PDB file of all heavy atoms in Angstrom:
ATOM      1  N   ASN A   1      33.587  -7.153   3.722  1.00  0.00           N
ATOM      2  CA  ASN A   1      32.404  -7.913   4.142  1.00  0.00           C
ATOM      3  C   ASN A   1      31.197  -6.972   3.773  1.00  0.00           C
ATOM      4  O   ASN A   1      30.907  -5.963   4.510  1.00  0.00           O
ATOM      5  CB  ASN A   1      32.443  -8.199   5.670  1.00  0.00           C
ATOM      6  CG  ASN A   1      31.209  -9.063   6.115  1.00  0.00           C
ATOM      7  OD1 ASN A   1      30.165  -8.832   5.610  1.00  0.00           O
ATOM      8  ND2 ASN A   1      31.557  -9.894   7.083  1.00  0.00           N
ATOM      9  N   LEU A   2      30.438  -7.363   2.737  1.00  0.00           N
ATOM     10  CA  LEU A   2      29.343  -6.597   2.274  1.00  0.00           C
ATOM     11  C   LEU A   2      28.307  -6.467   3.318  1.00  0.00           C
ATOM     12  O   LEU A   2      27.643  -5.484   3.562  1.00  0.00           O
ATOM     13  CB  LEU A   2      28.773  -7.188   1.035  1.00  0.00           C
ATOM     14  CG  LEU A   2      27.975  -6.242   0.195  1.00  0.00           C
ATOM     15  CD1 LEU A   2      28.571  -4.894  -0.137  1.00  0.00           C
ATOM     16  CD2 LEU A   2      27.455  -6.969  -1.052  1.00  0.00           C
ATOM     17  N   GLY A   3      27.924  -7.581   4.068  1.00  0.00           N
ATOM     18  CA  GLY A   3      26.942  -7.419   5.165  1.00  0.00           C
ATOM     19  C   GLY A   3      27.343  -6.446   6.237  1.00  0.00           C
ATOM     20  O   GLY A   3      26.486  -5.789   6.717  1.00  0.00           O
ATOM     21  N   ALA A   4      28.533  -6.577   6.713  1.00  0.00           N
ATOM     22  CA  ALA A   4      28.990  -5.651   7.660  1.00  0.00           C
ATOM     23  C   ALA A   4      28.943  -4.125   7.200  1.00  0.00           C
ATOM     24  O   ALA A   4      28.543  -3.261   8.010  1.00  0.00           O
ATOM     25  CB  ALA A   4      30.364  -5.971   8.159  1.00  0.00           C
ATOM     26  N   THR A   5      29.239  -4.014   5.935  1.00  0.00           N
ATOM     27  CA  THR A   5      29.214  -2.605   5.345  1.00  0.00           C
ATOM     28  C   THR A   5      27.777  -2.120   5.441  1.00  0.00           C
ATOM     29  O   THR A   5      27.477  -0.973   5.804  1.00  0.00           O
ATOM     30  CB  THR A   5      29.756  -2.642   3.955  1.00  0.00           C
ATOM     31  OG1 THR A   5      31.096  -3.229   3.985  1.00  0.00           O
ATOM     32  CG2 THR A   5      29.738  -1.256   3.301  1.00  0.00           C
ATOM     33  N   TYR A   6      26.794  -2.921   5.023  1.00  0.00           N
ATOM     34  CA  TYR A   6      25.336  -2.612   4.989  1.00  0.00           C
ATOM     35  C   TYR A   6      24.947  -2.359   6.470  1.00  0.00           C
ATOM     36  O   TYR A   6      24.153  -1.328   6.703  1.00  0.00           O
ATOM     37  CB  TYR A   6      24.553  -3.625   4.393  1.00  0.00           C
ATOM     38  CG  TYR A   6      24.575  -3.762   2.874  1.00  0.00           C
ATOM     39  CD1 TYR A   6      24.285  -4.988   2.243  1.00  0.00           C
ATOM     40  CD2 TYR A   6      25.012  -2.702   2.107  1.00  0.00           C
ATOM     41  CE1 TYR A   6      24.485  -5.067   0.888  1.00  0.00           C
ATOM     42  CE2 TYR A   6      25.084  -2.743   0.697  1.00  0.00           C
ATOM     43  CZ  TYR A   6      24.826  -3.988   0.109  1.00  0.00           C
ATOM     44  OH  TYR A   6      24.843  -4.085  -1.243  1.00  0.00           O
ATOM     45  N   LEU A   7      25.225  -3.209   7.380  1.00  0.00           N
ATOM     46  CA  LEU A   7      24.876  -2.939   8.767  1.00  0.00           C
ATOM     47  C   LEU A   7      25.289  -1.712   9.393  1.00  0.00           C
ATOM     48  O   LEU A   7      24.580  -1.171  10.266  1.00  0.00           O
ATOM     49  CB  LEU A   7      25.352  -4.145   9.683  1.00  0.00           C
ATOM     50  CG  LEU A   7      24.628  -5.505   9.497  1.00  0.00           C
ATOM     51  CD1 LEU A   7      25.292  -6.562  10.242  1.00  0.00           C
ATOM     52  CD2 LEU A   7      23.179  -5.338   9.998  1.00  0.00           C
ATOM     53  N   SER A   8      26.460  -1.251   8.984  1.00  0.00           N
ATOM     54  CA  SER A   8      27.022   0.029   9.482  1.00  0.00           C
ATOM     55  C   SER A   8      26.095   1.239   9.204  1.00  0.00           C
ATOM     56  O   SER A   8      26.165   2.270   9.868  1.00  0.00           O
ATOM     57  CB  SER A   8      28.507   0.232   9.135  1.00  0.00           C
ATOM     58  OG  SER A   8      28.549   0.550   7.745  1.00  0.00           O
ATOM     59  N   ALA A   9      25.391   1.121   8.078  1.00  0.00           N
ATOM     60  CA  ALA A   9      24.615   2.272   7.607  1.00  0.00           C
ATOM     61  C   ALA A   9      23.069   2.042   7.685  1.00  0.00           C
ATOM     62  O   ALA A   9      22.338   2.978   7.533  1.00  0.00           O
ATOM     63  CB  ALA A   9      25.017   2.586   6.240  1.00  0.00           C
ATOM     64  N   ASN A  10      22.641   0.845   7.990  1.00  0.00           N
ATOM     65  CA  ASN A  10      21.202   0.515   7.815  1.00  0.00           C
ATOM     66  C   ASN A  10      20.607  -0.058   9.041  1.00  0.00           C
ATOM     67  O   ASN A  10      20.876  -1.227   9.475  1.00  0.00           O
ATOM     68  CB  ASN A  10      20.937  -0.450   6.678  1.00  0.00           C
ATOM     69  CG  ASN A  10      19.538  -0.606   6.277  1.00  0.00           C
ATOM     70  OD1 ASN A  10      18.665  -0.252   7.065  1.00  0.00           O
ATOM     71  ND2 ASN A  10      19.290  -1.189   5.176  1.00  0.00           N
ATOM     72  N   PRO A  11      19.897   0.690   9.860  1.00  0.00           N
ATOM     73  CA  PRO A  11      19.345   0.185  11.127  1.00  0.00           C
ATOM     74  C   PRO A  11      18.207  -0.886  11.022  1.00  0.00           C
ATOM     75  O   PRO A  11      17.923  -1.526  11.958  1.00  0.00           O
ATOM     76  CB  PRO A  11      18.814   1.432  11.881  1.00  0.00           C
ATOM     77  CG  PRO A  11      18.470   2.371  10.688  1.00  0.00           C
ATOM     78  CD  PRO A  11      19.493   2.040   9.647  1.00  0.00           C
ATOM     79  N   ILE A  12      17.787  -1.143   9.816  1.00  0.00           N
ATOM     80  CA  ILE A  12      16.651  -2.168   9.630  1.00  0.00           C
ATOM     81  C   ILE A  12      17.142  -3.473   9.969  1.00  0.00           C
ATOM     82  O   ILE A  12      16.319  -4.330  10.338  1.00  0.00           O
ATOM     83  CB  ILE A  12      16.211  -2.010   8.167  1.00  0.00           C
ATOM     84  CG1 ILE A  12      15.443  -0.650   8.008  1.00  0.00           C
ATOM     85  CG2 ILE A  12      15.164  -3.152   7.837  1.00  0.00           C
ATOM     86  CD1 ILE A  12      15.106  -0.316   6.476  1.00  0.00           C
ATOM     87  N   PHE A  13      18.407  -3.804   9.768  1.00  0.00           N
ATOM     88  CA  PHE A  13      18.952  -5.154   9.929  1.00  0.00           C
ATOM     89  C   PHE A  13      19.042  -5.536  11.397  1.00  0.00           C
ATOM     90  O   PHE A  13      19.532  -6.651  11.761  1.00  0.00           O
ATOM     91  CB  PHE A  13      20.326  -5.286   9.292  1.00  0.00           C
ATOM     92  CG  PHE A  13      20.305  -5.283   7.844  1.00  0.00           C
ATOM     93  CD1 PHE A  13      20.491  -4.223   7.098  1.00  0.00           C
ATOM     94  CD2 PHE A  13      19.971  -6.481   7.133  1.00  0.00           C
ATOM     95  CE1 PHE A  13      20.412  -4.099   5.683  1.00  0.00           C
ATOM     96  CE2 PHE A  13      19.911  -6.517   5.795  1.00  0.00           C
ATOM     97  CZ  PHE A  13      20.123  -5.407   5.089  1.00  0.00           C
ATOM     98  N   HIS A  14      18.730  -4.684  12.331  1.00  0.00           N
ATOM     99  CA  HIS A  14      18.941  -4.893  13.734  1.00  0.00           C
ATOM    100  C   HIS A  14      18.502  -6.214  14.314  1.00  0.00           C
ATOM    101  O   HIS A  14      19.084  -6.887  15.113  1.00  0.00           O
ATOM    102  CB  HIS A  14      18.354  -3.646  14.500  1.00  0.00           C
ATOM    103  CG  HIS A  14      18.440  -3.848  16.028  1.00  0.00           C
ATOM    104  ND1 HIS A  14      19.665  -3.872  16.735  1.00  0.00           N
ATOM    105  CD2 HIS A  14      17.471  -4.080  16.948  1.00  0.00           C
ATOM    106  CE1 HIS A  14      19.399  -4.063  17.988  1.00  0.00           C
ATOM    107  NE2 HIS A  14      18.073  -4.183  18.133  1.00  0.00           N
ATOM    108  N   ALA A  15      17.244  -6.584  13.916  1.00  0.00           N
ATOM    109  CA  ALA A  15      16.576  -7.817  14.365  1.00  0.00           C
ATOM    110  C   ALA A  15      17.496  -9.038  14.127  1.00  0.00           C
ATOM    111  O   ALA A  15      17.378 -10.064  14.870  1.00  0.00           O
ATOM    112  CB  ALA A  15      15.160  -8.005  13.916  1.00  0.00           C
ATOM    113  N   ARG A  16      18.212  -9.079  13.106  1.00  0.00           N
ATOM    114  CA  ARG A  16      18.973 -10.208  12.651  1.00  0.00           C
ATOM    115  C   ARG A  16      20.367 -10.220  13.305  1.00  0.00           C
ATOM    116  O   ARG A  16      21.148 -11.189  13.064  1.00  0.00           O
ATOM    117  CB  ARG A  16      19.135 -10.178  11.125  1.00  0.00           C
ATOM    118  CG  ARG A  16      17.872 -10.319  10.359  1.00  0.00           C
ATOM    119  CD  ARG A  16      18.159 -10.400   8.968  1.00  0.00           C
ATOM    120  NE  ARG A  16      16.933  -9.892   8.231  1.00  0.00           N
ATOM    121  CZ  ARG A  16      17.052  -9.586   6.960  1.00  0.00           C
ATOM    122  NH1 ARG A  16      18.184  -9.594   6.263  1.00  0.00           N
ATOM    123  NH2 ARG A  16      15.938  -9.132   6.331  1.00  0.00           N
ATOM    124  N   THR A  17      20.762  -9.224  14.025  1.00  0.00           N
ATOM    125  CA  THR A  17      22.107  -9.176  14.562  1.00  0.00           C
ATOM    126  C   THR A  17      22.201  -9.021  16.070  1.00  0.00           C
ATOM    127  O   THR A  17      23.022  -8.399  16.584  1.00  0.00           O
ATOM    128  CB  THR A  17      22.839  -7.953  13.938  1.00  0.00           C
ATOM    129  OG1 THR A  17      22.036  -6.690  14.303  1.00  0.00           O
ATOM    130  CG2 THR A  17      22.834  -8.039  12.510  1.00  0.00           C
ATOM    131  N   LYS A  18      21.367  -9.748  16.743  1.00  0.00           N
ATOM    132  CA  LYS A  18      21.312  -9.578  18.168  1.00  0.00           C
ATOM    133  C   LYS A  18      22.613 -10.010  18.867  1.00  0.00           C
ATOM    134  O   LYS A  18      23.037  -9.464  19.898  1.00  0.00           O
ATOM    135  CB  LYS A  18      20.137 -10.361  18.780  1.00  0.00           C
ATOM    136  CG  LYS A  18      18.800  -9.781  18.465  1.00  0.00           C
ATOM    137  CD  LYS A  18      17.698 -10.479  19.203  1.00  0.00           C
ATOM    138  CE  LYS A  18      16.412  -9.732  18.929  1.00  0.00           C
ATOM    139  NZ  LYS A  18      15.254 -10.245  19.583  1.00  0.00           N
ATOM    140  N   HIS A  19      23.354 -11.025  18.288  1.00  0.00           N
ATOM    141  CA  HIS A  19      24.562 -11.441  18.924  1.00  0.00           C
ATOM    142  C   HIS A  19      25.675 -10.432  18.707  1.00  0.00           C
ATOM    143  O   HIS A  19      26.636 -10.362  19.403  1.00  0.00           O
ATOM    144  CB  HIS A  19      24.951 -12.780  18.175  1.00  0.00           C
ATOM    145  CG  HIS A  19      25.331 -12.633  16.757  1.00  0.00           C
ATOM    146  ND1 HIS A  19      24.345 -12.513  15.763  1.00  0.00           N
ATOM    147  CD2 HIS A  19      26.483 -12.510  16.014  1.00  0.00           C
ATOM    148  CE1 HIS A  19      24.852 -12.437  14.579  1.00  0.00           C
ATOM    149  NE2 HIS A  19      26.171 -12.393  14.721  1.00  0.00           N
ATOM    150  N   ALA A  20      25.543  -9.454  17.794  1.00  0.00           N
ATOM    151  CA  ALA A  20      26.607  -8.416  17.596  1.00  0.00           C
ATOM    152  C   ALA A  20      26.055  -7.070  17.890  1.00  0.00           C
ATOM    153  O   ALA A  20      26.560  -6.092  17.404  1.00  0.00           O
ATOM    154  CB  ALA A  20      27.042  -8.544  16.170  1.00  0.00           C
ATOM    155  N   GLU A  21      25.127  -6.911  18.827  1.00  0.00           N
ATOM    156  CA  GLU A  21      24.408  -5.710  19.015  1.00  0.00           C
ATOM    157  C   GLU A  21      25.315  -4.611  19.484  1.00  0.00           C
ATOM    158  O   GLU A  21      25.230  -3.447  18.978  1.00  0.00           O
ATOM    159  CB  GLU A  21      23.222  -5.976  20.052  1.00  0.00           C
ATOM    160  CG  GLU A  21      22.388  -4.793  20.197  1.00  0.00           C
ATOM    161  CD  GLU A  21      21.123  -5.165  21.049  1.00  0.00           C
ATOM    162  OE1 GLU A  21      20.724  -6.293  20.981  1.00  0.00           O
ATOM    163  OE2 GLU A  21      20.601  -4.214  21.667  1.00  0.00           O
ATOM    164  N   VAL A  22      26.128  -4.806  20.518  1.00  0.00           N
ATOM    165  CA  VAL A  22      26.994  -3.730  20.971  1.00  0.00           C
ATOM    166  C   VAL A  22      27.995  -3.199  20.013  1.00  0.00           C
ATOM    167  O   VAL A  22      28.102  -2.047  19.834  1.00  0.00           O
ATOM    168  CB  VAL A  22      27.741  -4.216  22.338  1.00  0.00           C
ATOM    169  CG1 VAL A  22      28.713  -3.230  22.825  1.00  0.00           C
ATOM    170  CG2 VAL A  22      26.718  -4.550  23.474  1.00  0.00           C
ATOM    171  N   ASP A  23      28.681  -4.164  19.299  1.00  0.00           N
ATOM    172  CA  ASP A  23      29.559  -3.810  18.304  1.00  0.00           C
ATOM    173  C   ASP A  23      28.884  -3.047  17.145  1.00  0.00           C
ATOM    174  O   ASP A  23      29.391  -2.030  16.670  1.00  0.00           O
ATOM    175  CB  ASP A  23      30.241  -5.017  17.722  1.00  0.00           C
ATOM    176  CG  ASP A  23      31.155  -5.741  18.754  1.00  0.00           C
ATOM    177  OD1 ASP A  23      31.570  -5.048  19.710  1.00  0.00           O
ATOM    178  OD2 ASP A  23      31.604  -6.905  18.470  1.00  0.00           O
ATOM    179  N   TYR A  24      27.751  -3.550  16.747  1.00  0.00           N
ATOM    180  CA  TYR A  24      26.954  -2.924  15.656  1.00  0.00           C
ATOM    181  C   TYR A  24      26.651  -1.581  15.924  1.00  0.00           C
ATOM    182  O   TYR A  24      26.913  -0.551  15.165  1.00  0.00           O
ATOM    183  CB  TYR A  24      25.765  -3.746  15.446  1.00  0.00           C
ATOM    184  CG  TYR A  24      24.538  -3.098  14.768  1.00  0.00           C
ATOM    185  CD1 TYR A  24      24.611  -2.887  13.356  1.00  0.00           C
ATOM    186  CD2 TYR A  24      23.546  -2.671  15.426  1.00  0.00           C
ATOM    187  CE1 TYR A  24      23.609  -2.278  12.763  1.00  0.00           C
ATOM    188  CE2 TYR A  24      22.485  -2.050  14.784  1.00  0.00           C
ATOM    189  CZ  TYR A  24      22.475  -1.831  13.461  1.00  0.00           C
ATOM    190  OH  TYR A  24      21.429  -1.205  12.841  1.00  0.00           O
TER     191      TYR A  24
END
């Protein structure tokens, strides 16, 4: 999952992932 891979390294995406905040 390319999006999940990017999220694991890039804190800029935080506003778009409120539903997955704890896991992220």
